[in-house]
Every structure is written in C-alpha cells, then in structure tokens.
Amino acid sequence: MIKSVSAQIHADLAHQYGFLGDGIGIAFLDTGLFPHRDFSPAGQRIEAFVDFVHHKNGCYDDNGHGTHITGIACSSGKTGSYFIGIAPKAHIVSLKVLNTLGNGVPDALIRGLQWVHDHHRSYHIRIVNISIGSPYTPEDQTSRRILHYVNQLWDDGLIVCIAGGNHGPRPQSISVPGNSRKIITVGSSDDSLKIFGSRRLSSHYSGRGPTRSCVMKPDVVAPGTNIYSCSLHNRYAVKSGTSMATPVVSGTMALLLEKYPYYTNKDAKKKLKFNCDRLNTPRSHQGWGRINVQKLLELP
C-alpha cells in the first residue's frame, strides 16, 4: 500500500519537510497511462503521452500495469491521503511500449528509449523508470540493442531506474535491461511475503545477482509486494513485483533532485549507495540495501 511503503522508507517524513518532487520529470516506459484523477488536477501533471505500439492519440492504458507503477511514484492523493505517491508533485511523461498483455515489443521499446534521448530536455525529464525485464542470453542481439539505448540515456545524464526482474531466487537471474552496469537496478525488499492477487509470482521472486558479467546487482531494494496503487477507471489495484519496487526508487530520486537540483546521475547513485538500510539477506538479493529517504535527504 502506498502509504505504508512511504512509511517503510521514510518518504512521509520528506513530505512533511516539503519535498514532493516538484519540478522533476519522470518518464515511464510501460503499458501506457489512464488519466486517473490522482494525476490531477484534471491530468495536468501528464506532460506528454506517446504510443509506440498502436500509435493512437490521447492518453490510455489497455493493461493497467503502467498506471499502477506511475501511481506508486506520482499519485497526488486527491482521493485520499492513503494513496499519496513517493513524489506526488513530479510531472509525468508516459511512453507506451508494451502491448495489451503487458508484453514487450522490442522495436517499440527502442523507439521509446530513443524518444527520451531526443526530448528529455524539452520535457525536463531527469528520471527514467523502466519496469520491464526479460531473461538474458549473451547471443541475444535484441537485448544488446536495448542495453545500448538504455546506456545512452545514462550517458545523457538521466537517472535510469530499472526493475531487476521476477526470475529469482536463483543466482544470475537479473533481467534485461536491469543488468546494465551503469543504471540503478531495483529489487524487491519484501519478496518473502505471501503474495495476493497473482498466480505468476512465487515467493522470493526478486532477481538475484551477480549478472553474467559478474557485476553485483541489484543496486538497491524497495518494497514491491502487495502494493496498492492507481488502476484503470479511477480505481485501485494490488500488484507485486520488482516492477512495483522500481517506481519507489524513481520517486525517491525525484525527492533527492528537488533538494539537490545540481546533482548528476552519478552523484545520485553514489549518494544512494551510502544511505540504505542493510537487511538480513545476502548482497546478491539486496545490493546496498533498502532505500531510506530520511538518510538520503539528510533529514533530522
């Protein structure tokens, strides 16, 4: 639940000090976005929507996954403070790169990544959320192309947060493009909990490192199990996965950039590294640990 997530990582304390992600743009590459009233007023925080799958005009989501993850990061709480996201004043850029089933369309994803590269300055995008992942094999040329464009966004100076995937608990189960050395790879800190509303996930689902290139991943973990957030038709739904943990980190990065607007993506990643809470799990599961907004923003 969004409010309990905020309490776990102390984002609620940041809100009390006035850090809400104001002026920070987050691009979400996902299934699209329903113009939920929690992205209000009247959806005005939605700066842009581009459909790379069906090429339709107008903001929509034919699956619900994209709306859910956007809500975790950016819900305004208009329908009640219980549903306030991590960065409730950040503005939203939604790029539809997944189809109705929530499956990846590689060419659409690559076009979406290239769009962010071309337009991030125009829309004041500083953070990119990619709650997408697929198994990696070294001979997979499509995966290599995707990694190239993901790394390009990091080289542009953007903070890129990517899900570690739900193929755990075996080692080397970090998915593509979360296996990029440069970006911030996010795992789920609470994947041992009983999972509600999903038959697709098993316990201890969060992808484990290291990568096949022997890079220690994930970088950080955040709550990702049984998360309530925005859904289609102004409703709410519960979902679980590293997809849900990733926007918790993206929203946190928006709070960090609001306090320290001069930070580069490398500054932000370094700051994150030394301000997490260590958990009683192997490093291959938690990376640097669970994010702690109070430590990260140096709040009393």
Protein backbone atom coordinates (compact mmCIF):
# COMPACT_ATOMS: atom_id res chain seq x y z
CA MET A 1 0.00 0.00 0.00
CA ILE A 2 1.41 3.35 -0.99
CA LYS A 3 1.13 4.93 2.44
CA SER A 4 2.77 2.00 4.21
CA VAL A 5 5.53 1.99 1.58
CA SER A 6 6.19 5.67 2.28
CA ALA A 7 6.42 4.92 5.99
CA GLN A 8 8.83 2.00 5.47
CA ILE A 9 11.29 4.13 3.53
CA HIS A 10 10.52 7.38 5.43
CA ALA A 11 9.24 9.23 2.37
CA ASP A 12 6.39 10.51 4.54
CA LEU A 13 8.96 12.46 6.55
CA ALA A 14 10.28 14.05 3.35
CA HIS A 15 6.72 15.12 2.51
CA GLN A 16 6.42 16.80 5.91
CA TYR A 17 9.53 18.82 5.06
CA GLY A 18 8.00 19.87 1.74
CA PHE A 19 9.91 17.57 -0.62
CA LEU A 20 7.32 16.33 -3.12
CA GLY A 21 9.24 16.05 -6.39
CA ASP A 22 8.06 19.43 -7.64
CA GLY A 23 9.64 20.41 -10.97
CA ILE A 24 11.15 16.97 -11.63
CA GLY A 25 10.07 14.99 -14.70
CA ILE A 26 9.86 11.20 -14.70
CA ALA A 27 9.47 9.23 -17.93
CA PHE A 28 7.69 5.88 -17.62
CA LEU A 29 8.14 3.32 -20.40
CA ASP A 30 5.32 0.84 -19.88
CA THR A 31 1.78 -0.11 -20.98
CA GLY A 32 0.59 3.49 -21.08
CA LEU A 33 -1.37 5.59 -18.62
CA PHE A 34 -5.01 6.02 -17.68
CA PRO A 35 -5.60 9.72 -16.83
CA HIS A 36 -6.51 8.89 -13.24
CA ARG A 37 -7.79 11.67 -11.01
CA ASP A 38 -4.75 11.10 -8.78
CA PHE A 39 -2.65 12.54 -11.60
CA SER A 40 -4.69 15.69 -11.26
CA PRO A 41 -5.75 18.36 -11.39
CA ALA A 42 -7.51 17.03 -14.49
CA GLY A 43 -4.46 15.05 -15.52
CA GLN A 44 -2.46 18.26 -15.86
CA ARG A 45 0.69 16.67 -14.44
CA ILE A 46 0.83 14.43 -17.51
CA GLU A 47 3.24 16.43 -19.67
CA ALA A 48 3.31 14.04 -22.62
CA PHE A 49 1.99 10.69 -23.82
CA VAL A 50 3.34 8.84 -26.86
CA ASP A 51 2.06 5.49 -28.09
CA PHE A 52 4.75 3.42 -29.81
CA VAL A 53 2.58 0.27 -30.03
CA HIS A 54 -0.75 1.24 -31.60
CA HIS A 55 0.12 4.86 -32.47
CA LYS A 56 -3.11 6.21 -31.00
CA ASN A 57 -3.67 9.77 -29.88
CA GLY A 58 -4.74 10.50 -26.34
CA CYS A 59 -3.62 9.09 -23.02
CA TYR A 60 -4.71 5.47 -22.38
CA ASP A 61 -3.65 2.18 -20.82
CA ASP A 62 -5.11 -1.09 -22.10
CA ASN A 63 -3.45 -3.20 -19.40
CA GLY A 64 -3.15 -1.28 -16.13
CA HIS A 65 0.49 -2.01 -15.32
CA GLY A 66 1.72 1.40 -16.45
CA THR A 67 -0.96 3.26 -14.49
CA HIS A 68 -0.12 1.26 -11.37
CA ILE A 69 3.61 1.92 -11.44
CA THR A 70 3.09 5.61 -12.28
CA GLY A 71 0.77 5.90 -9.29
CA ILE A 72 3.37 4.44 -6.94
CA ALA A 73 5.77 7.21 -7.89
CA CYS A 74 3.42 10.09 -8.62
CA SER A 75 -0.10 9.68 -7.18
CA SER A 76 -1.27 13.01 -5.77
CA GLY A 77 -3.59 11.52 -3.17
CA LYS A 78 -6.54 13.53 -4.49
CA THR A 79 -8.93 10.74 -3.47
CA GLY A 80 -7.42 10.48 -0.01
CA SER A 81 -4.01 10.80 1.61
CA TYR A 82 -3.72 7.00 1.80
CA PHE A 83 -2.78 6.91 -1.87
CA ILE A 84 -0.10 9.60 -1.98
CA GLY A 85 2.84 8.51 -4.12
CA ILE A 86 6.50 8.95 -3.30
CA ALA A 87 6.82 12.13 -5.42
CA PRO A 88 3.27 13.49 -5.66
CA LYS A 89 4.22 16.70 -7.47
CA ALA A 90 6.61 15.26 -10.05
CA HIS A 91 5.39 15.60 -13.61
CA ILE A 92 4.78 12.60 -15.81
CA VAL A 93 5.85 11.58 -19.30
CA SER A 94 4.24 8.29 -20.32
CA LEU A 95 5.51 6.25 -23.25
CA LYS A 96 3.52 3.18 -24.26
CA VAL A 97 5.98 0.48 -25.32
CA LEU A 98 4.17 -2.64 -24.02
CA ASN A 99 1.08 -4.23 -25.56
CA THR A 100 -2.32 -5.10 -24.09
CA LEU A 101 -0.93 -8.24 -22.46
CA GLY A 102 1.91 -6.27 -20.92
CA ASN A 103 4.42 -7.98 -23.17
CA GLY A 104 7.40 -6.20 -24.62
CA VAL A 105 7.51 -5.00 -28.19
CA PRO A 106 11.29 -4.63 -28.71
CA ASP A 107 11.13 -2.12 -31.55
CA ALA A 108 8.59 -0.04 -29.61
CA LEU A 109 10.82 -0.06 -26.54
CA ILE A 110 13.84 1.02 -28.58
CA ARG A 111 11.84 3.83 -30.20
CA GLY A 112 10.68 4.92 -26.76
CA LEU A 113 14.23 4.99 -25.44
CA GLN A 114 15.34 6.99 -28.45
CA TRP A 115 12.43 9.41 -27.94
CA VAL A 116 13.61 10.10 -24.38
CA HIS A 117 17.13 10.68 -25.71
CA ASP A 118 15.79 13.22 -28.21
CA HIS A 119 13.25 15.00 -25.98
CA HIS A 120 14.38 14.81 -22.35
CA ARG A 121 15.45 18.45 -22.25
CA SER A 122 12.20 19.71 -23.78
CA TYR A 123 10.11 17.94 -21.12
CA HIS A 124 12.54 18.44 -18.22
CA ILE A 125 12.91 14.68 -17.78
CA ARG A 126 15.56 13.78 -15.22
CA ILE A 127 14.49 10.26 -14.29
CA VAL A 128 13.52 7.26 -16.42
CA ASN A 129 11.51 4.38 -14.94
CA ILE A 130 11.63 1.06 -16.80
CA SER A 131 9.60 -1.64 -15.04
CA ILE A 132 10.36 -4.13 -17.79
CA GLY A 133 12.54 -7.20 -17.88
CA SER A 134 13.23 -10.38 -19.80
CA PRO A 135 15.75 -13.20 -19.39
CA TYR A 136 19.15 -12.53 -20.92
CA THR A 137 21.27 -14.72 -23.15
CA PRO A 138 24.63 -13.44 -24.45
CA GLU A 139 23.75 -14.20 -28.06
CA ASP A 140 20.54 -12.18 -27.91
CA GLN A 141 21.10 -9.27 -30.33
CA THR A 142 17.81 -7.58 -29.39
CA SER A 143 18.87 -7.42 -25.75
CA ARG A 144 22.19 -5.91 -26.77
CA ARG A 145 20.41 -3.20 -28.76
CA ILE A 146 18.14 -2.40 -25.83
CA LEU A 147 21.12 -2.19 -23.48
CA HIS A 148 22.84 0.18 -25.89
CA TYR A 149 19.93 2.63 -25.83
CA VAL A 150 19.48 2.31 -22.06
CA ASN A 151 23.15 3.11 -21.52
CA GLN A 152 22.79 6.04 -23.90
CA LEU A 153 20.18 7.58 -21.58
CA TRP A 154 22.54 7.23 -18.62
CA ASP A 155 25.26 8.89 -20.67
CA ASP A 156 22.78 11.71 -21.36
CA GLY A 157 22.86 12.40 -17.61
CA LEU A 158 19.50 10.83 -16.77
CA ILE A 159 18.88 8.72 -13.67
CA VAL A 160 17.67 5.41 -15.08
CA CYS A 161 15.89 3.04 -12.66
CA ILE A 162 15.15 -0.45 -13.97
CA ALA A 163 13.46 -3.49 -12.43
CA GLY A 164 15.71 -6.43 -11.61
CA GLY A 165 13.06 -8.88 -12.79
CA ASN A 166 10.98 -11.60 -11.15
CA HIS A 167 13.07 -14.65 -12.05
CA GLY A 168 14.61 -15.22 -8.59
CA PRO A 169 15.77 -16.71 -6.35
CA ARG A 170 18.41 -18.42 -8.48
CA PRO A 171 21.73 -16.58 -8.97
CA GLN A 172 22.32 -14.58 -12.17
CA SER A 173 18.59 -14.02 -12.58
CA ILE A 174 18.71 -10.24 -13.12
CA SER A 175 16.75 -9.49 -16.28
CA VAL A 176 17.48 -7.29 -19.29
CA PRO A 177 17.89 -4.30 -19.26
CA GLY A 178 18.36 -4.30 -15.49
CA ASN A 179 21.71 -6.00 -15.99
CA SER A 180 23.24 -2.76 -17.30
CA ARG A 181 26.33 -1.88 -15.27
CA LYS A 182 25.57 1.85 -15.36
CA ILE A 183 21.96 2.19 -14.27
CA ILE A 184 20.22 1.71 -10.90
CA THR A 185 18.82 -1.82 -10.75
CA VAL A 186 15.98 -2.33 -8.28
CA GLY A 187 14.94 -5.49 -6.46
CA SER A 188 12.08 -6.16 -4.06
CA SER A 189 12.90 -5.98 -0.36
CA ASP A 190 9.83 -7.94 0.74
CA ASP A 191 9.55 -10.77 -1.79
CA SER A 192 9.29 -13.34 1.01
CA LEU A 193 5.78 -12.13 1.92
CA LYS A 194 2.65 -14.02 0.90
CA ILE A 195 1.59 -12.59 -2.45
CA PHE A 196 -2.02 -11.60 -3.04
CA GLY A 197 -3.78 -11.43 -6.40
CA SER A 198 -1.08 -13.05 -8.55
CA ARG A 199 -0.51 -16.62 -9.66
CA ARG A 200 2.50 -15.67 -11.75
CA LEU A 201 4.88 -14.85 -8.91
CA SER A 202 6.41 -17.31 -6.49
CA SER A 203 7.92 -16.45 -3.12
CA HIS A 204 11.43 -14.99 -3.27
CA TYR A 205 10.77 -13.82 -6.83
CA SER A 206 13.16 -10.85 -6.90
CA GLY A 207 16.03 -11.27 -9.36
CA ARG A 208 19.41 -12.10 -7.84
CA GLY A 209 22.87 -11.12 -8.88
CA PRO A 210 25.53 -11.13 -9.94
CA THR A 211 24.97 -10.60 -13.64
CA ARG A 212 26.52 -12.94 -16.17
CA SER A 213 29.27 -10.32 -16.49
CA CYS A 214 29.97 -10.67 -12.73
CA VAL A 215 28.54 -7.24 -11.88
CA MET A 216 26.92 -7.21 -8.43
CA LYS A 217 23.22 -6.45 -8.81
CA PRO A 218 20.65 -5.35 -7.80
CA ASP A 219 21.93 -1.99 -6.61
CA VAL A 220 19.11 -1.38 -4.12
CA VAL A 221 15.82 -2.86 -2.99
CA ALA A 222 12.47 -1.30 -2.12
CA PRO A 223 9.03 -2.60 -1.12
CA GLY A 224 7.39 -4.37 -4.05
CA THR A 225 4.91 -6.92 -2.69
CA ASN A 226 1.15 -6.34 -2.34
CA ILE A 227 1.34 -2.70 -3.38
CA TYR A 228 -1.94 -0.83 -3.84
CA SER A 229 -1.87 1.89 -6.45
CA CYS A 230 -3.83 3.56 -9.22
CA SER A 231 -5.69 1.40 -11.73
CA LEU A 232 -7.97 1.86 -14.71
CA HIS A 233 -11.23 3.85 -14.50
CA ASN A 234 -10.12 5.79 -11.39
CA ARG A 235 -9.93 2.60 -9.36
CA TYR A 236 -7.12 0.97 -7.39
CA ALA A 237 -5.48 -2.44 -7.55
CA VAL A 238 -2.85 -4.52 -5.79
CA LYS A 239 0.18 -5.78 -7.70
CA SER A 240 3.54 -7.28 -6.79
CA GLY A 241 6.95 -7.49 -8.38
CA THR A 242 10.17 -5.63 -8.93
CA SER A 243 8.09 -3.54 -11.33
CA MET A 244 6.40 -2.06 -8.25
CA ALA A 245 9.64 -1.57 -6.33
CA THR A 246 11.24 0.39 -9.17
CA PRO A 247 8.93 3.46 -9.09
CA VAL A 248 9.51 3.67 -5.34
CA VAL A 249 13.14 4.34 -6.18
CA SER A 250 12.28 6.62 -9.13
CA GLY A 251 10.05 8.70 -6.88
CA THR A 252 12.77 8.82 -4.26
CA MET A 253 15.22 10.11 -6.85
CA ALA A 254 12.77 12.92 -7.64
CA LEU A 255 12.79 13.96 -3.98
CA LEU A 256 16.59 13.86 -3.98
CA LEU A 257 16.84 16.03 -7.10
CA GLU A 258 14.35 18.50 -5.67
CA LYS A 259 16.63 19.01 -2.66
CA TYR A 260 19.87 18.82 -4.65
CA PRO A 261 18.97 20.02 -8.17
CA TYR A 262 22.63 20.26 -9.19
CA TYR A 263 23.22 16.53 -8.63
CA THR A 264 24.31 14.47 -11.63
CA ASN A 265 23.07 10.93 -12.07
CA LYS A 266 26.44 9.69 -10.81
CA ASP A 267 26.12 11.91 -7.73
CA ALA A 268 22.66 10.49 -7.06
CA LYS A 269 23.80 6.89 -7.43
CA LYS A 270 26.76 7.45 -5.11
CA LYS A 271 24.54 9.15 -2.53
CA LEU A 272 22.13 6.23 -2.71
CA LYS A 273 24.92 3.70 -2.22
CA PHE A 274 25.88 5.04 1.20
CA ASN A 275 22.39 5.77 2.57
CA CYS A 276 20.49 2.48 2.51
CA ASP A 277 19.40 0.19 5.34
CA ARG A 278 21.16 -3.16 5.32
CA LEU A 279 18.80 -6.13 5.54
CA ASN A 280 19.42 -9.63 6.82
CA THR A 281 19.74 -11.10 3.33
CA PRO A 282 22.70 -11.81 1.01
CA ARG A 283 24.12 -8.94 -1.00
CA SER A 284 23.06 -10.76 -4.17
CA HIS A 285 19.47 -10.08 -3.10
CA GLN A 286 19.64 -6.61 -1.57
CA GLY A 287 22.64 -4.87 -3.14
CA TRP A 288 23.39 -1.82 -0.99
CA GLY A 289 20.18 -2.38 0.97
CA ARG A 290 16.69 -0.90 1.21
CA ILE A 291 16.38 2.76 0.37
CA ASN A 292 15.95 5.19 3.26
CA VAL A 293 14.71 8.63 2.24
CA GLN A 294 15.45 10.18 5.62
CA LYS A 295 19.13 9.26 5.34
CA LEU A 296 19.29 10.11 1.66
CA LEU A 297 17.92 13.63 2.12
CA GLU A 298 19.77 14.12 5.44
CA LEU A 299 16.57 14.86 7.33
CA PRO A 300 16.54 15.03 11.15
